[in-house]
N, C-alpha and C. Protein backbone atom coordinates (compact mmCIF):
# COMPACT_ATOMS: atom_id res chain seq x y z
N MET A 1 22.47 88.37 -39.92
CA MET A 1 22.80 86.98 -39.72
C MET A 1 22.53 86.54 -38.28
N SER A 2 22.67 87.47 -37.35
CA SER A 2 22.44 87.10 -35.96
C SER A 2 20.95 86.84 -35.70
N GLY A 3 20.10 87.43 -36.53
CA GLY A 3 18.66 87.17 -36.40
C GLY A 3 18.32 85.73 -36.72
N LEU A 4 19.01 85.17 -37.73
CA LEU A 4 18.78 83.77 -38.09
C LEU A 4 19.25 82.82 -37.00
N SER A 5 20.30 83.20 -36.29
CA SER A 5 20.79 82.33 -35.23
C SER A 5 19.80 82.26 -34.07
N ILE A 6 18.89 83.19 -34.01
CA ILE A 6 17.84 83.16 -32.99
C ILE A 6 16.57 82.51 -33.54
N LEU A 7 16.22 82.87 -34.77
CA LEU A 7 14.95 82.40 -35.34
C LEU A 7 14.96 80.93 -35.72
N ILE A 8 16.07 80.40 -36.18
CA ILE A 8 16.12 78.99 -36.58
C ILE A 8 15.91 78.06 -35.38
N PRO A 9 16.59 78.26 -34.24
CA PRO A 9 16.28 77.39 -33.09
C PRO A 9 14.85 77.55 -32.58
N ILE A 10 14.30 78.75 -32.65
CA ILE A 10 12.91 78.95 -32.24
C ILE A 10 11.98 78.17 -33.16
N ALA A 11 12.22 78.23 -34.47
CA ALA A 11 11.38 77.50 -35.43
C ALA A 11 11.51 76.00 -35.23
N LEU A 12 12.72 75.52 -34.98
CA LEU A 12 12.91 74.08 -34.74
C LEU A 12 12.23 73.65 -33.45
N GLY A 13 12.30 74.50 -32.43
CA GLY A 13 11.62 74.20 -31.16
C GLY A 13 10.12 74.15 -31.32
N MET A 14 9.56 75.09 -32.08
CA MET A 14 8.11 75.09 -32.31
C MET A 14 7.68 73.87 -33.11
N GLY A 15 8.50 73.47 -34.08
CA GLY A 15 8.20 72.27 -34.85
C GLY A 15 8.25 71.02 -33.99
N ALA A 16 9.25 70.94 -33.12
CA ALA A 16 9.35 69.79 -32.22
C ALA A 16 8.19 69.76 -31.24
N PHE A 17 7.76 70.93 -30.78
CA PHE A 17 6.61 71.01 -29.87
C PHE A 17 5.34 70.55 -30.58
N GLY A 18 5.14 70.98 -31.82
CA GLY A 18 3.97 70.55 -32.58
C GLY A 18 3.97 69.06 -32.84
N LEU A 19 5.12 68.50 -33.13
CA LEU A 19 5.23 67.07 -33.34
C LEU A 19 4.95 66.30 -32.05
N ALA A 20 5.44 66.81 -30.92
CA ALA A 20 5.19 66.17 -29.64
C ALA A 20 3.71 66.19 -29.30
N VAL A 21 3.03 67.31 -29.57
CA VAL A 21 1.59 67.40 -29.31
C VAL A 21 0.82 66.45 -30.21
N PHE A 22 1.25 66.31 -31.46
CA PHE A 22 0.60 65.38 -32.38
C PHE A 22 0.72 63.94 -31.89
N PHE A 23 1.93 63.54 -31.46
CA PHE A 23 2.11 62.19 -30.96
C PHE A 23 1.35 61.97 -29.66
N TRP A 24 1.24 63.00 -28.82
CA TRP A 24 0.45 62.90 -27.59
C TRP A 24 -1.02 62.66 -27.93
N ALA A 25 -1.53 63.39 -28.94
CA ALA A 25 -2.92 63.21 -29.35
C ALA A 25 -3.14 61.82 -29.93
N MET A 26 -2.17 61.31 -30.68
CA MET A 26 -2.30 59.95 -31.22
C MET A 26 -2.33 58.92 -30.09
N LYS A 27 -1.49 59.11 -29.06
CA LYS A 27 -1.42 58.16 -27.96
C LYS A 27 -2.70 58.17 -27.13
N ASN A 28 -3.35 59.33 -27.02
CA ASN A 28 -4.55 59.45 -26.21
C ASN A 28 -5.84 59.15 -26.98
N GLY A 29 -5.74 58.73 -28.23
CA GLY A 29 -6.90 58.27 -28.97
C GLY A 29 -7.76 59.38 -29.56
N GLN A 30 -7.19 60.54 -29.85
CA GLN A 30 -7.96 61.63 -30.41
C GLN A 30 -8.42 61.34 -31.84
N PHE A 31 -7.72 60.49 -32.54
CA PHE A 31 -8.02 60.22 -33.95
C PHE A 31 -8.54 58.81 -34.17
N ASP A 32 -9.12 58.18 -33.15
CA ASP A 32 -9.56 56.80 -33.27
C ASP A 32 -10.81 56.65 -34.13
N ASP A 33 -11.81 57.49 -33.94
CA ASP A 33 -13.10 57.32 -34.60
C ASP A 33 -13.45 58.56 -35.40
N LEU A 34 -12.82 58.73 -36.55
CA LEU A 34 -13.08 59.91 -37.37
C LEU A 34 -14.41 59.79 -38.10
N ASP A 35 -14.80 58.58 -38.50
CA ASP A 35 -16.05 58.41 -39.23
C ASP A 35 -17.26 58.55 -38.33
N GLY A 36 -17.13 58.16 -37.08
CA GLY A 36 -18.26 58.24 -36.15
C GLY A 36 -18.72 59.66 -35.93
N ALA A 37 -17.79 60.59 -35.78
CA ALA A 37 -18.15 61.99 -35.58
C ALA A 37 -18.81 62.56 -36.84
N ALA A 38 -18.33 62.15 -38.00
CA ALA A 38 -18.91 62.64 -39.24
C ALA A 38 -20.33 62.11 -39.44
N GLN A 39 -20.60 60.90 -39.01
CA GLN A 39 -21.93 60.33 -39.18
C GLN A 39 -22.89 60.78 -38.08
N ARG A 40 -22.37 61.06 -36.91
CA ARG A 40 -23.21 61.48 -35.80
C ARG A 40 -23.89 62.82 -36.06
N ILE A 41 -23.25 63.67 -36.85
CA ILE A 41 -23.84 64.97 -37.13
C ILE A 41 -25.06 64.83 -38.05
N LEU A 42 -25.14 63.74 -38.79
CA LEU A 42 -26.24 63.54 -39.73
C LEU A 42 -27.46 62.87 -39.09
N ILE A 43 -27.30 62.30 -37.91
CA ILE A 43 -28.39 61.59 -37.26
C ILE A 43 -29.29 62.59 -36.55
N ASP A 44 -30.57 62.53 -36.88
CA ASP A 44 -31.53 63.41 -36.22
C ASP A 44 -32.03 62.75 -34.95
N GLU A 45 -31.83 63.41 -33.84
CA GLU A 45 -32.35 62.92 -32.57
C GLU A 45 -33.44 63.87 -32.12
N GLU A 46 -34.63 63.34 -31.95
CA GLU A 46 -35.73 64.17 -31.52
C GLU A 46 -35.72 64.30 -30.01
N ASP A 47 -36.10 65.47 -29.54
CA ASP A 47 -36.16 65.71 -28.10
C ASP A 47 -37.28 64.90 -27.49
N GLU A 48 -37.02 64.30 -26.35
CA GLU A 48 -38.03 63.52 -25.64
C GLU A 48 -38.61 64.39 -24.53
N ASP A 49 -39.56 65.22 -24.86
CA ASP A 49 -40.18 66.11 -23.86
C ASP A 49 -41.51 65.56 -23.40
């Protein structure tokens, strides 16, 4: 039982950290243009040598 008293707060802390990182990424615009990255991979750009 004493193991759970250690593991539960650690799990809650890791979950809160993950949620904080997710909201930080949302605030910094990491998920603004999801379609642009998907379409950019399909565009062929020829080298200008």
